[in-house]
Protein backbone atom coordinates (compact mmCIF):
# COMPACT_ATOMS: atom_id res chain seq x y z
CA MET A 1 131.89 78.70 91.30
CA ALA A 2 129.30 81.88 91.55
CA LYS A 3 131.13 85.25 90.16
CA ARG A 4 132.44 87.46 92.33
CA ASN A 5 131.69 90.89 92.13
CA ASN A 6 134.30 92.83 93.26
CA THR A 7 132.31 96.57 93.26
CA ASN A 8 131.81 97.83 97.28
CA LEU A 9 128.59 97.97 98.39
CA PRO A 10 127.13 99.06 101.52
CA LEU A 11 125.71 96.06 103.21
CA GLY A 12 122.06 96.46 102.90
CA ASP A 13 122.38 97.48 99.28
CA ALA A 14 124.78 94.08 98.57
CA LEU A 15 121.50 92.27 101.02
CA ASN A 16 118.84 92.83 98.84
CA GLU A 17 120.82 91.75 95.79
CA PHE A 18 121.23 88.91 97.28
CA LEU A 19 117.63 88.46 98.59
CA LYS A 20 116.47 89.47 94.83
CA GLU A 21 118.90 86.93 92.90
CA ASN A 22 117.67 84.04 94.88
CA ARG A 23 113.98 85.15 94.63
CA LEU A 24 113.80 85.33 98.52
CA GLN A 25 112.31 88.88 98.67
CA LYS A 26 108.80 87.47 98.65
CA GLY A 27 109.25 84.92 101.90
CA ILE A 28 110.91 87.64 103.90
CA ASP A 29 107.50 89.62 102.68
CA LYS A 30 105.29 86.94 104.21
CA VAL A 31 107.04 86.93 107.54
CA ASN A 32 106.98 90.75 107.57
CA ALA A 33 103.36 90.79 106.57
CA ARG A 34 102.81 88.68 109.99
CA GLU A 35 104.96 91.08 111.90
CA ALA A 36 103.34 94.49 110.61
CA TRP A 37 99.76 93.16 111.06
CA ALA A 38 100.65 92.48 114.99
CA ARG A 39 102.44 96.12 115.18
CA LEU A 40 99.95 97.65 113.26
CA MET A 41 96.74 96.61 114.72
CA GLY A 42 97.47 95.84 118.53
CA ASN A 43 96.83 93.26 120.93
CA GLY A 44 92.96 93.93 120.47
CA VAL A 45 93.22 92.47 117.12
CA ASN A 46 95.63 90.21 117.59
CA ASN A 47 93.57 88.47 120.73
CA TYR A 48 91.31 87.67 117.59
CA THR A 49 93.34 87.41 114.04
CA THR A 50 94.27 83.61 113.72
CA ALA A 51 96.01 84.17 110.60
CA VAL A 52 97.77 86.44 108.29
CA GLU A 53 98.62 85.10 104.68
CA LEU A 54 100.70 87.15 102.02
CA ARG A 55 99.57 85.85 99.27
CA ASN A 56 100.71 87.70 95.15
CA ASP A 57 99.93 91.11 96.13
CA THR A 58 96.63 89.80 98.78
CA LEU A 59 96.93 89.86 102.42
CA PHE A 60 94.71 87.19 103.56
CA VAL A 61 93.54 87.78 107.56
CA ALA A 62 91.66 85.05 109.26
CA LEU A 63 89.82 87.16 112.20
CA SER A 64 87.88 84.11 114.73
CA SER A 65 84.98 87.10 115.45
CA SER A 66 82.70 87.93 112.91
CA VAL A 67 81.39 91.53 114.69
CA LEU A 68 85.54 92.83 114.70
CA ARG A 69 85.75 91.64 110.96
CA GLU A 70 82.60 93.81 109.68
CA GLU A 71 83.81 96.29 111.48
CA LEU A 72 87.72 95.83 109.66
CA SER A 73 85.61 95.48 106.49
CA HIS A 74 84.78 99.36 106.48
CA GLY A 75 88.16 100.13 106.63
CA LYS A 76 89.92 98.45 104.40
CA SER A 77 91.90 100.30 101.96
CA ARG A 78 92.95 102.80 104.91
CA ILE A 79 94.14 99.49 106.39
CA ILE A 80 96.07 98.16 103.32
CA VAL A 81 96.98 102.00 103.08
CA MET A 82 98.58 102.13 106.94
CA PHE A 83 100.03 98.47 105.65
CA ASN A 84 101.94 99.39 103.24
CA GLU A 85 103.14 102.71 104.91
CA GLU A 86 104.11 100.13 107.54
CA MET A 87 106.25 97.26 105.43
CA GLY A 88 107.90 100.36 103.45
CA LYS A 89 106.57 100.03 100.16
CA GLU A 90 103.67 98.66 98.72
CA VAL A 91 103.34 95.27 99.05
CA VAL A 92 99.48 94.48 99.19
CA LYS A 93 96.84 95.87 96.85
CA LYS A 94 93.82 93.92 98.39
CA LEU A 95 92.71 92.82 101.56
CA VAL A 96 90.26 89.45 102.15
CA LEU A 97 89.52 88.81 106.22
CA ARG A 98 87.77 85.67 106.72
């Protein structure tokens, strides 16, 4: 049986502690990454997005349009900054467009 911590914690802090202790945060970040990409890029880009995967600190995005891929590749650093702002923390250091 797990040791019970009797200190009063706000629910958000307790959840964050639970996620950290059980190493679940990376999985949560992966799901949030897909949602953040969809919100950030809007329907125009999402229609051509076939996959979004967060692996370590690299975001892999598969696009079905080579023209769009080329356009987005010019603004990679800006996309990374905007993406991390959308996630609320620095999750991505590198963006790979395929």
